[in-house]
């Protein structure tokens, strides 16, 4: 990475230009007229969120060298974009997600994780993510009013239907979820789509044990084993009692996989979505602190924050491969290996803007390649 601090353009201006170029190339709608203006606003909000690590209207509208009047104008632009009938996931995020999944699918497998969390304005969001580089990356989401708790199964099915439209053909799909997502309709939906699934279930789940019915939680593995694997034990699906080393309580699973150990190994990855929610909220972009209250606005706000997260994360992945001499300008060499990619990128953005500008510029010119 070679740069000249004296000749490099300001971080905000340069990042915005590359951001807009990338969004227009990914767009499935011709980037002219009103749509181009909306892409302009989106690019500005993403840049601001990456720089401020904020989900507030002020954070989304923060730009360099502006007057109070300009600042107020940018806030109004952000409000209009979030409230517009023309703003939705299908128009602005799906084209990017489709190309991202196409690249990731070239390895032959996509691991999807579903979960919900409290977000802004007394809203809860059900999100489906894909695992990449050991982390969960947001794909699609649905938002409703309410406190943290279970979502109705119909909402699970609606979200799967949204994501199913952008899943590449001829790719193995593994679907992971905790105990909220063990409903019969969702499992049947996965099988219809020919997805493999591993879903946590409750201790009182009734299963067929060789002709006798028992609660899955009442079983115990034989000496020397961590699991009990029951084939066709629950509505045609396999059941697993898993008591791993160091586990205080057993993990009980329903799956259509034929190997219990494989199912358990995949389920370990489910917890990656917890890290994603943490990065979107308290450890990253403060999504839970935004004062936006409308479900529609919150759902659209997540478009901005999801882009900010993904682009920052990708910068971190690229930075991990840069020479130590360059990394030492903004981070301690002995901590880089253990540092999360997004944390490394955020340090670069805040402490070495010219380096961040070059890294993002390189990413924006060939962003599809990084996902292959």
Protein backbone atom coordinates (compact mmCIF):
# COMPACT_ATOMS: atom_id res chain seq x y z
CA UNK A 1 0.00 0.00 0.00
CA UNK A 2 1.82 3.16 -1.18
CA UNK A 3 0.35 6.57 -0.48
CA UNK A 4 1.31 10.20 -0.22
CA UNK A 5 -0.30 12.02 2.68
CA UNK A 6 0.27 15.40 1.03
CA UNK A 7 -1.41 14.59 -2.28
CA UNK A 8 -4.15 12.21 -1.07
CA UNK A 9 -7.64 13.76 -1.08
CA UNK A 10 -9.53 14.18 2.23
CA UNK A 11 -10.85 10.94 3.72
CA UNK A 12 -14.52 11.96 3.54
CA UNK A 13 -14.41 13.11 -0.09
CA UNK A 14 -12.37 10.15 -1.31
CA UNK A 15 -14.39 7.53 0.60
CA UNK A 16 -17.65 9.01 -0.65
CA UNK A 17 -16.53 8.97 -4.29
CA UNK A 18 -15.44 5.33 -4.14
CA UNK A 19 -18.58 4.39 -2.19
CA UNK A 20 -20.91 5.95 -4.75
CA UNK A 21 -19.05 4.28 -7.62
CA UNK A 22 -19.40 0.87 -5.98
CA UNK A 23 -23.11 1.32 -5.20
CA UNK A 24 -23.93 2.47 -8.72
CA UNK A 25 -22.11 -0.51 -10.26
CA UNK A 26 -23.94 -2.94 -7.97
CA UNK A 27 -27.35 -1.36 -8.65
CA UNK A 28 -29.81 -3.25 -10.85
CA UNK A 29 -31.63 0.02 -11.59
CA UNK A 30 -30.02 2.47 -14.00
CA UNK A 31 -28.27 5.03 -11.75
CA UNK A 32 -29.83 8.19 -13.15
CA UNK A 33 -32.31 10.82 -11.97
CA UNK A 34 -34.02 10.21 -8.64
CA UNK A 35 -32.41 6.82 -8.11
CA UNK A 36 -28.95 8.32 -8.50
CA UNK A 37 -29.86 11.02 -5.99
CA UNK A 38 -30.96 8.34 -3.52
CA UNK A 39 -27.70 6.46 -4.08
CA UNK A 40 -25.85 9.72 -3.38
CA UNK A 41 -27.60 10.09 -0.03
CA UNK A 42 -27.01 6.42 0.83
CA UNK A 43 -23.30 6.69 0.01
CA UNK A 44 -23.00 9.74 2.24
CA UNK A 45 -24.77 8.06 5.16
CA UNK A 46 -22.62 4.93 4.92
CA UNK A 47 -19.43 7.00 4.84
CA UNK A 48 -20.55 9.02 7.84
CA UNK A 49 -21.53 5.92 9.82
CA UNK A 50 -18.16 4.31 9.11
CA UNK A 51 -16.39 7.45 10.32
CA UNK A 52 -18.53 8.22 13.37
CA UNK A 53 -19.39 4.60 14.33
CA UNK A 54 -22.91 5.88 14.92
CA UNK A 55 -26.50 5.07 13.92
CA UNK A 56 -27.96 8.40 14.99
CA UNK A 57 -29.29 10.85 12.40
CA UNK A 58 -26.49 13.24 13.32
CA UNK A 59 -23.92 10.46 12.96
CA UNK A 60 -25.32 9.42 9.58
CA UNK A 61 -25.19 13.02 8.39
CA UNK A 62 -21.76 14.00 9.69
CA UNK A 63 -19.57 15.30 6.88
CA UNK A 64 -16.34 17.28 6.82
CA UNK A 65 -16.20 21.07 6.48
CA UNK A 66 -19.86 21.95 6.82
CA UNK A 67 -21.79 24.80 8.35
CA UNK A 68 -24.65 24.38 10.81
CA UNK A 69 -27.06 25.01 7.94
CA UNK A 70 -25.43 22.31 5.82
CA UNK A 71 -25.49 19.93 8.78
CA UNK A 72 -29.23 20.46 9.21
CA UNK A 73 -29.74 19.90 5.50
CA UNK A 74 -27.87 16.58 5.63
CA UNK A 75 -29.99 15.42 8.58
CA UNK A 76 -33.14 16.21 6.60
CA UNK A 77 -31.77 14.27 3.63
CA UNK A 78 -31.16 11.24 5.87
CA UNK A 79 -34.67 11.48 7.32
CA UNK A 80 -36.23 11.61 3.86
CA UNK A 81 -34.19 8.64 2.66
CA UNK A 82 -35.14 6.51 5.68
CA UNK A 83 -38.83 7.42 5.30
CA UNK A 84 -39.12 7.26 1.52
CA UNK A 85 -41.47 4.78 -0.13
CA UNK A 86 -38.68 4.16 -2.63
CA UNK A 87 -36.28 2.94 0.05
CA UNK A 88 -36.26 -0.80 0.69
CA UNK A 89 -33.96 -3.80 1.07
CA UNK A 90 -34.83 -5.18 -2.38
CA UNK A 91 -33.72 -2.00 -4.18
CA UNK A 92 -30.60 -1.01 -2.29
CA UNK A 93 -29.16 -4.03 -0.46
CA UNK A 94 -30.31 -7.13 -2.35
CA UNK A 95 -28.21 -6.42 -5.50
CA UNK A 96 -25.04 -6.26 -3.41
CA UNK A 97 -26.02 -9.29 -1.28
CA UNK A 98 -26.76 -11.32 -4.42
CA UNK A 99 -23.29 -10.72 -5.84
CA UNK A 100 -21.69 -11.31 -2.46
CA UNK A 101 -23.40 -14.70 -2.09
CA UNK A 102 -22.49 -15.63 -5.65
CA UNK A 103 -18.84 -15.14 -4.76
CA UNK A 104 -19.06 -16.98 -1.45
CA UNK A 105 -20.95 -19.89 -3.06
CA UNK A 106 -18.00 -20.71 -5.31
CA UNK A 107 -16.58 -22.66 -2.39
CA UNK A 108 -19.63 -24.91 -2.70
CA UNK A 109 -21.31 -24.09 0.61
CA UNK A 110 -23.12 -21.29 2.42
CA UNK A 111 -23.77 -21.40 6.17
CA UNK A 112 -26.76 -19.26 7.18
CA UNK A 113 -27.63 -18.23 10.74
CA UNK A 114 -30.94 -16.80 11.92
CA UNK A 115 -31.57 -14.91 15.17
CA UNK A 116 -33.29 -11.84 16.57
CA UNK A 117 -32.26 -8.89 18.71
CA UNK A 118 -33.49 -5.61 20.15
CA UNK A 119 -32.67 -2.71 17.85
CA UNK A 120 -33.62 0.97 17.72
CA UNK A 121 -36.83 2.66 18.85
CA UNK A 122 -38.42 -0.18 20.83
CA UNK A 123 -38.15 -2.39 17.77
CA UNK A 124 -36.87 -5.94 17.45
CA UNK A 125 -35.20 -7.27 14.31
CA UNK A 126 -35.06 -10.80 12.98
CA UNK A 127 -31.89 -11.19 10.93
CA UNK A 128 -30.43 -13.84 8.67
CA UNK A 129 -26.66 -13.77 8.16
CA UNK A 130 -24.02 -15.75 6.28
CA UNK A 131 -20.77 -16.98 7.84
CA UNK A 132 -17.60 -15.65 6.20
CA UNK A 133 -14.05 -15.54 7.56
CA UNK A 134 -15.41 -16.95 10.83
CA UNK A 135 -17.88 -14.08 11.32
CA UNK A 136 -21.56 -13.51 10.58
CA UNK A 137 -22.33 -11.04 7.78
CA UNK A 138 -25.88 -9.54 7.54
CA UNK A 139 -27.99 -10.65 4.58
CA UNK A 140 -31.63 -9.76 5.25
CA UNK A 141 -33.86 -8.71 8.14
CA UNK A 142 -37.44 -8.01 9.22
CA UNK A 143 -38.35 -5.52 11.94
CA UNK A 144 -41.37 -5.21 14.20
CA UNK A 145 -42.39 -3.32 17.32
CA UNK A 146 -41.83 -5.11 20.59
CA UNK A 147 -39.36 -6.11 23.26
CA UNK A 148 -36.80 -8.86 22.97
CA UNK A 149 -38.52 -12.22 22.72
CA UNK A 150 -39.62 -14.88 20.27
CA UNK A 151 -40.80 -14.03 16.78
CA UNK A 152 -43.81 -15.84 15.28
CA UNK A 153 -42.96 -18.76 13.00
CA UNK A 154 -44.67 -16.97 10.10
CA UNK A 155 -42.00 -14.28 10.41
CA UNK A 156 -39.27 -16.95 10.27
CA UNK A 157 -40.79 -18.25 7.05
CA UNK A 158 -41.13 -14.76 5.58
CA UNK A 159 -37.45 -14.04 6.16
CA UNK A 160 -36.39 -17.36 4.61
CA UNK A 161 -38.57 -16.53 1.59
CA UNK A 162 -36.77 -13.19 1.21
CA UNK A 163 -33.30 -14.77 1.34
CA UNK A 164 -34.21 -17.76 -0.81
CA UNK A 165 -34.62 -15.41 -3.78
CA UNK A 166 -30.94 -14.39 -3.70
CA UNK A 167 -29.40 -17.80 -2.93
CA UNK A 168 -27.26 -19.13 -5.82
CA UNK A 169 -28.33 -22.42 -7.40
CA UNK A 170 -26.33 -25.63 -7.04
CA UNK A 171 -24.84 -24.67 -3.68
CA UNK A 172 -25.04 -26.54 -0.40
CA UNK A 173 -26.95 -24.53 2.22
CA UNK A 174 -26.67 -25.18 5.96
CA UNK A 175 -29.23 -23.33 8.10
CA UNK A 176 -28.56 -22.77 11.82
CA UNK A 177 -30.79 -21.44 14.60
CA UNK A 178 -31.38 -21.62 18.34
CA UNK A 179 -34.39 -23.02 20.20
CA UNK A 180 -36.79 -20.41 18.85
CA UNK A 181 -36.45 -21.77 15.34
CA UNK A 182 -37.27 -25.48 15.79
CA UNK A 183 -40.85 -25.19 14.49
CA UNK A 184 -42.21 -27.89 12.20
CA UNK A 185 -43.17 -25.48 9.39
CA UNK A 186 -39.68 -23.98 9.26
CA UNK A 187 -38.06 -27.41 9.17
CA UNK A 188 -40.40 -28.49 6.40
CA UNK A 189 -39.57 -25.31 4.50
CA UNK A 190 -35.85 -26.06 4.73
CA UNK A 191 -36.37 -29.57 3.43
CA UNK A 192 -38.50 -28.29 0.57
CA UNK A 193 -35.67 -25.92 -0.38
CA UNK A 194 -33.20 -28.81 0.01
CA UNK A 195 -31.35 -26.99 2.76
CA UNK A 196 -29.64 -28.87 5.56
CA UNK A 197 -30.45 -27.55 9.02
CA UNK A 198 -29.26 -27.80 12.62
CA UNK A 199 -31.65 -26.21 15.09
CA UNK A 200 -31.57 -26.19 18.86
CA UNK A 201 -34.64 -27.51 20.64
CA UNK A 202 -36.05 -27.74 24.16
CA UNK A 203 -35.42 -30.33 26.89
CA UNK A 204 -39.06 -31.40 26.81
CA UNK A 205 -39.06 -32.13 23.07
CA UNK A 206 -40.68 -35.56 22.64
CA UNK A 207 -38.70 -37.97 20.47
CA UNK A 208 -39.03 -41.55 19.32
CA UNK A 209 -36.46 -43.78 21.05
CA UNK A 210 -36.81 -47.09 19.27
CA UNK A 211 -40.57 -47.21 19.53
CA UNK A 212 -40.81 -45.50 22.91
CA UNK A 213 -41.53 -41.82 23.40
CA UNK A 214 -39.25 -39.85 25.72
CA UNK A 215 -38.18 -36.29 26.37
CA UNK A 216 -34.91 -35.57 24.56
CA UNK A 217 -33.50 -33.90 27.67
CA UNK A 218 -33.92 -37.08 29.72
CA UNK A 219 -31.37 -39.01 27.67
CA UNK A 220 -27.64 -39.32 28.35
CA UNK A 221 -24.75 -40.43 26.13
CA UNK A 222 -23.02 -43.76 26.79
CA UNK A 223 -19.61 -43.75 28.52
CA UNK A 224 -16.89 -42.35 26.30
CA UNK A 225 -19.31 -40.52 24.01
CA UNK A 226 -20.58 -36.92 23.87
CA UNK A 227 -23.74 -37.54 21.86
CA UNK A 228 -26.87 -39.59 21.48
CA UNK A 229 -28.04 -39.63 17.84
CA UNK A 230 -31.64 -40.64 17.15
CA UNK A 231 -32.63 -41.13 13.51
CA UNK A 232 -36.13 -40.11 12.38
CA UNK A 233 -36.96 -39.30 15.98
CA UNK A 234 -39.09 -36.17 15.51
CA UNK A 235 -41.44 -35.69 12.57
CA UNK A 236 -38.97 -37.48 10.32
CA UNK A 237 -36.00 -35.41 11.52
CA UNK A 238 -33.01 -36.63 13.50
CA UNK A 239 -32.50 -35.64 17.13
CA UNK A 240 -29.21 -35.17 19.00
CA UNK A 241 -28.41 -35.03 22.70
CA UNK A 242 -24.98 -33.41 22.88
CA UNK A 243 -22.97 -32.92 26.04
CA UNK A 244 -19.65 -31.52 24.87
CA UNK A 245 -16.52 -31.26 26.99
CA UNK A 246 -16.75 -28.30 29.32
CA UNK A 247 -20.51 -27.97 28.78
CA UNK A 248 -22.51 -27.65 31.96
CA UNK A 249 -25.81 -28.42 30.22
CA UNK A 250 -26.54 -30.55 27.16
CA UNK A 251 -27.29 -28.98 23.77
CA UNK A 252 -30.34 -30.59 22.18
CA UNK A 253 -30.65 -30.42 18.40
CA UNK A 254 -32.95 -31.31 15.53
CA UNK A 255 -31.32 -31.87 12.14
CA UNK A 256 -31.71 -33.52 8.76
CA UNK A 257 -27.99 -34.30 8.65
CA UNK A 258 -27.07 -37.97 8.87
CA UNK A 259 -23.99 -37.50 11.06
CA UNK A 260 -24.37 -36.26 14.61
CA UNK A 261 -20.79 -35.04 14.98
CA UNK A 262 -21.07 -33.03 11.77
CA UNK A 263 -24.30 -31.40 12.96
CA UNK A 264 -22.69 -30.45 16.29
CA UNK A 265 -19.67 -29.01 14.51
CA UNK A 266 -21.89 -26.80 12.34
CA UNK A 267 -23.99 -25.69 15.30
CA UNK A 268 -20.90 -24.22 16.99
CA UNK A 269 -20.94 -21.55 14.27
CA UNK A 270 -24.41 -20.33 15.28
CA UNK A 271 -22.92 -18.17 18.03
CA UNK A 272 -21.21 -15.98 15.42
CA UNK A 273 -24.43 -14.03 14.97
CA UNK A 274 -24.24 -12.94 18.61
CA UNK A 275 -20.93 -11.25 17.77
CA UNK A 276 -22.58 -9.60 14.76
CA UNK A 277 -25.33 -8.07 16.90
CA UNK A 278 -22.71 -6.85 19.35
CA UNK A 279 -20.78 -5.16 16.52
CA UNK A 280 -23.92 -3.55 15.12
CA UNK A 281 -24.82 -2.25 18.58
CA UNK A 282 -22.63 -1.73 21.66
CA UNK A 283 -19.23 -2.64 20.19
CA UNK A 284 -19.67 -0.99 16.82
CA UNK A 285 -22.36 1.28 15.44
CA UNK A 286 -24.73 1.91 18.36
CA UNK A 287 -27.82 0.65 16.51
CA UNK A 288 -29.72 0.18 19.77
CA UNK A 289 -29.12 3.81 20.75
CA UNK A 290 -30.69 5.37 17.66
CA UNK A 291 -33.83 7.32 18.52
CA UNK A 292 -35.58 6.40 15.28
CA UNK A 293 -38.87 4.75 16.26
CA UNK A 294 -40.78 3.74 13.12
CA UNK A 295 -40.32 0.07 12.14
CA UNK A 296 -39.96 1.06 8.49
CA UNK A 297 -37.28 3.62 9.29
CA UNK A 298 -35.41 1.19 11.53
CA UNK A 299 -35.52 -1.48 8.82
CA UNK A 300 -34.13 1.04 6.33
CA UNK A 301 -31.57 2.28 8.85
CA UNK A 302 -30.18 -1.25 9.04
CA UNK A 303 -29.47 -1.06 5.29
CA UNK A 304 -27.03 1.76 6.04
CA UNK A 305 -25.52 0.09 9.10
CA UNK A 306 -25.23 -3.30 7.39
CA UNK A 307 -23.29 -1.70 4.53
CA UNK A 308 -21.10 0.21 7.01
CA UNK A 309 -20.39 -3.01 8.90
CA UNK A 310 -19.60 -5.07 5.79
CA UNK A 311 -17.36 -2.46 4.19
CA UNK A 312 -15.48 -1.82 7.43
CA UNK A 313 -15.12 -5.56 7.99
CA UNK A 314 -13.77 -6.08 4.45
CA UNK A 315 -11.23 -3.31 5.03
CA UNK A 316 -10.13 -5.16 8.15
CA UNK A 317 -9.73 -8.42 6.24
CA UNK A 318 -7.53 -6.63 3.69
CA UNK A 319 -5.53 -4.86 6.40
CA UNK A 320 -4.69 -8.22 8.01
CA UNK A 321 -2.59 -8.96 4.91
CA UNK A 322 -0.74 -5.64 4.86
CA UNK A 323 2.91 -5.29 6.02
CA UNK A 324 3.48 -4.87 9.74
CA UNK A 325 5.30 -1.58 9.15
CA UNK A 326 2.12 -0.04 7.81
CA UNK A 327 -0.14 -1.54 10.51
CA UNK A 328 2.16 -0.18 13.21
CA UNK A 329 1.11 3.36 12.26
CA UNK A 330 -2.25 2.84 13.99
CA UNK A 331 -2.20 -0.50 15.89
CA UNK A 332 0.18 -2.49 18.07
CA UNK A 333 1.91 -5.25 16.10
CA UNK A 334 1.52 -7.81 18.89
CA UNK A 335 -2.27 -7.41 18.92
CA UNK A 336 -3.08 -7.51 15.21
CA UNK A 337 -3.46 -11.29 14.95
CA UNK A 338 -5.99 -11.45 17.77
CA UNK A 339 -7.84 -8.28 16.74
CA UNK A 340 -11.17 -8.60 14.93
CA UNK A 341 -11.04 -7.32 11.33
CA UNK A 342 -13.68 -4.65 11.98
CA UNK A 343 -11.81 -3.40 15.07
CA UNK A 344 -8.59 -3.14 13.08
CA UNK A 345 -10.34 -1.22 10.31
CA UNK A 346 -12.00 1.18 12.74
CA UNK A 347 -8.63 1.97 14.28
CA UNK A 348 -7.26 2.64 10.81
CA UNK A 349 -10.16 4.95 9.91
CA UNK A 350 -9.77 6.96 13.11
CA UNK A 351 -5.95 7.10 13.30
CA UNK A 352 -4.62 6.68 9.74
CA UNK A 353 -7.20 8.06 7.34
CA UNK A 354 -4.93 8.10 4.31
CA UNK A 355 -4.21 4.40 4.70
CA UNK A 356 -7.92 3.72 5.17
CA UNK A 357 -8.66 5.70 2.02
CA UNK A 358 -6.27 3.60 -0.07
CA UNK A 359 -7.52 0.31 1.38
CA UNK A 360 -11.15 1.18 0.72
CA UNK A 361 -10.36 2.47 -2.76
CA UNK A 362 -8.68 -0.84 -3.65
CA UNK A 363 -11.62 -2.75 -2.19
CA UNK A 364 -14.23 -0.69 -4.07
CA UNK A 365 -12.60 -1.32 -7.44
CA UNK A 366 -12.70 -5.13 -7.12
CA UNK A 367 -15.03 -5.79 -4.20
CA UNK A 368 -16.59 -8.91 -5.73
CA UNK A 369 -13.19 -10.65 -5.78
CA UNK A 370 -12.76 -10.52 -2.00
CA UNK A 371 -15.79 -12.79 -1.51
CA UNK A 372 -14.53 -15.56 -3.80
